[in-house]
């Protein structure tokens, strides 16, 4: 069957499942339900996974601005209409890829933080571990990094439902600062300043919710604390961006060591002490 005429895999899978269920009776239907909602649900989930995998390949090859649903459909061997049943526009596909990337790097950094803090509860060392995990992810998944931290895509505006996913990295940074503050080891070396009104109210709400979730002994962050945390986020994303986009070429010889020193220097400004080997 030509690619342009192929059926939606979820629909064809559901049709064959119906025939099978009729033949084998209620036991087969019960088995399908127990294995994840039946063949249709599993076929839809598999197709969406395949769709995102192909979209990531096209993203790496062509860049986000050139991402096309038709090209993705062609590579999947299905009609464009089949793809539109899952994502209704190019922007919807970009949003799915953006959310996937934010969740992926968020999970990587959360895991690095948890592992490091479980070892010795040193927030400074954990910050460095998070930084290395973030950098490795960015170098391994350059197209995903560029999608969420690179040049804005012309004509695309990320919807509000990407914010929670994007905030996972910042929540890691906040947790490290709260951990150091609770331990009494946070000693900012940077300048004092009036932070009144510098941080959006919803960001402060998010920060205070993070402090509340951390436990009763954790003091809620001030606007000054949250403003200082931006230093860590910018140093992490900015230093990796400089490497990914080639801005360190001809300047730094050892990119990894330069990265470590940059993170440690930025951390010292907000009061997080990082011992380098």
Foldseek 3Di string as FASTA:
>chain_A
DALQPDDQQLVVQVVVLVVVCVVPDDVSVVVQCVVPHHRSVVSVVVVVVLLLVLQLVCCVVPNLLPRDLCVSSVVVSHHSVSVCVPPVDSLSSLLVLLLVLLQVLLVQLVVLLVVVCVVPNQLQVSLLSSLVSNLVVCVVRVSNLCSHQNDDHPPHDHDPVSVVSNCSVLLSLLVSVQSCVLVVQFDAPADDDDLPPVDDPVVLVVQQVSQVVVDDSGDGDDSVLSVLSVLLVCLSSVLSCCVSVVVCVVPDDDSSVVSSVSNQVSSNNRRRHHDDD
